[in-house]
C-alpha atoms as a PDB file:
ATOM      1  CA  MET A   1    -148.168  36.700  74.606  1.00  0.00           C
ATOM      2  CA  LYS A   2    -150.663  39.102  73.062  1.00  0.00           C
ATOM      3  CA  LEU A   3    -150.457  37.242  69.773  1.00  0.00           C
ATOM      4  CA  ALA A   4    -151.412  34.003  71.529  1.00  0.00           C
ATOM      5  CA  LEU A   5    -154.350  35.775  73.161  1.00  0.00           C
ATOM      6  CA  PHE A   6    -155.401  37.066  69.753  1.00  0.00           C
ATOM      7  CA  ALA A   7    -155.312  33.514  68.377  1.00  0.00           C
ATOM      8  CA  ALA A   8    -157.352  32.197  71.309  1.00  0.00           C
ATOM      9  CA  TRP A   9    -159.876  34.994  70.889  1.00  0.00           C
ATOM     10  CA  ASN A  10    -160.200  34.119  67.194  1.00  0.00           C
ATOM     11  CA  LYS A  11    -160.834  30.479  68.054  1.00  0.00           C
ATOM     12  CA  LEU A  12    -163.479  31.307  70.639  1.00  0.00           C
ATOM     13  CA  ARG A  13    -165.084  33.855  68.337  1.00  0.00           C
ATOM     14  CA  PHE A  14    -165.099  31.968  65.040  1.00  0.00           C
ATOM     15  CA  THR A  15    -165.549  28.306  65.979  1.00  0.00           C
ATOM     16  CA  PRO A  16    -169.213  28.650  67.029  1.00  0.00           C
ATOM     17  CA  VAL A  17    -169.949  30.838  64.007  1.00  0.00           C
ATOM     18  CA  LEU A  18    -168.375  28.305  61.643  1.00  0.00           C
ATOM     19  CA  LEU A  19    -170.315  25.459  63.266  1.00  0.00           C
ATOM     20  CA  ARG A  20    -173.563  27.384  62.771  1.00  0.00           C
ATOM     21  CA  GLY A  21    -172.671  27.684  59.085  1.00  0.00           C
ATOM     22  CA  GLU A  22    -172.941  31.444  58.778  1.00  0.00           C
ATOM     23  CA  ASN A  23    -172.110  32.664  55.286  1.00  0.00           C
ATOM     24  CA  ASP A  24    -169.273  35.100  55.901  1.00  0.00           C
ATOM     25  CA  ALA A  25    -167.649  33.252  58.835  1.00  0.00           C
ATOM     26  CA  ALA A  26    -164.948  31.572  56.744  1.00  0.00           C
ATOM     27  CA  LEU A  27    -164.029  34.863  55.072  1.00  0.00           C
ATOM     28  CA  LYS A  28    -163.777  36.680  58.401  1.00  0.00           C
ATOM     29  CA  LEU A  29    -161.676  33.874  59.878  1.00  0.00           C
ATOM     30  CA  ARG A  30    -159.360  33.950  56.857  1.00  0.00           C
ATOM     31  CA  GLN A  31    -158.925  37.718  57.194  1.00  0.00           C
ATOM     32  CA  SER A  32    -158.278  37.437  60.906  1.00  0.00           C
ATOM     33  CA  VAL A  33    -155.677  34.687  60.459  1.00  0.00           C
ATOM     34  CA  ARG A  34    -154.030  36.761  57.732  1.00  0.00           C
ATOM     35  CA  LEU A  35    -153.801  39.700  60.151  1.00  0.00           C
ATOM     36  CA  GLU A  36    -152.340  37.390  62.790  1.00  0.00           C
ATOM     37  CA  VAL A  37    -149.629  36.204  60.366  1.00  0.00           C
ATOM     38  CA  VAL A  38    -148.793  39.800  59.396  1.00  0.00           C
ATOM     39  CA  LEU A  39    -148.502  40.793  63.063  1.00  0.00           C
ATOM     40  CA  PHE A  40    -146.252  37.807  63.748  1.00  0.00           C
ATOM     41  CA  GLY A  41    -144.030  38.761  60.804  1.00  0.00           C
ATOM     42  CA  ALA A  42    -143.807  42.370  61.969  1.00  0.00           C
ATOM     43  CA  ILE A  43    -142.883  41.308  65.506  1.00  0.00           C
ATOM     44  CA  LEU A  44    -140.286  38.858  64.182  1.00  0.00           C
ATOM     45  CA  LYS A  45    -138.773  41.510  61.905  1.00  0.00           C
ATOM     46  CA  GLY A  46    -138.595  43.957  64.798  1.00  0.00           C
ATOM     47  CA  VAL A  47    -136.789  41.430  66.976  1.00  0.00           C
ATOM     48  CA  VAL A  48    -134.353  40.599  64.175  1.00  0.00           C
ATOM     49  CA  ASP A  49    -133.637  44.285  63.554  1.00  0.00           C
ATOM     50  CA  ILE A  50    -133.089  45.030  67.228  1.00  0.00           C
ATOM     51  CA  THR A  51    -130.815  42.050  67.804  1.00  0.00           C
ATOM     52  CA  THR A  52    -128.841  42.793  64.641  1.00  0.00           C
ATOM     53  CA  LEU A  53    -128.324  46.435  65.527  1.00  0.00           C
ATOM     54  CA  SER A  54    -127.411  45.768  69.136  1.00  0.00           C
ATOM     55  CA  ALA A  55    -125.258  42.677  68.626  1.00  0.00           C
ATOM     56  CA  PRO A  56    -121.842  42.870  70.358  1.00  0.00           C
ATOM     57  CA  GLU A  57    -120.010  42.735  67.022  1.00  0.00           C
ATOM     58  CA  THR A  58    -122.013  45.683  65.707  1.00  0.00           C
ATOM     59  CA  LEU A  59    -121.452  47.693  68.870  1.00  0.00           C
ATOM     60  CA  ASP A  60    -117.678  47.130  68.683  1.00  0.00           C
ATOM     61  CA  GLN A  61    -117.584  48.340  65.069  1.00  0.00           C
ATOM     62  CA  THR A  62    -119.644  51.403  65.954  1.00  0.00           C
ATOM     63  CA  ALA A  63    -117.248  52.266  68.775  1.00  0.00           C
ATOM     64  CA  VAL A  64    -114.262  52.013  66.405  1.00  0.00           C
ATOM     65  CA  VAL A  65    -115.929  54.282  63.849  1.00  0.00           C
ATOM     66  CA  MET A  66    -116.898  56.838  66.514  1.00  0.00           C
ATOM     67  CA  ALA A  67    -113.387  56.852  67.960  1.00  0.00           C
ATOM     68  CA  SER A  68    -111.807  57.646  64.557  1.00  0.00           C
END
């Protein structure tokens, strides 16, 4: 949800600046979009790690190892 808000904020912030033709607007937008992609990747990796570590198959194997 926060990532979508960040994207909306970028649109509202950079669209008028780009339309005015300010010099560094495209560079700032590019940097902001790059940050957005990095944040999305980090969130996705976190979700993958959590679901992999807490998957039922993994939990069953951990219980077997702990019981030994």
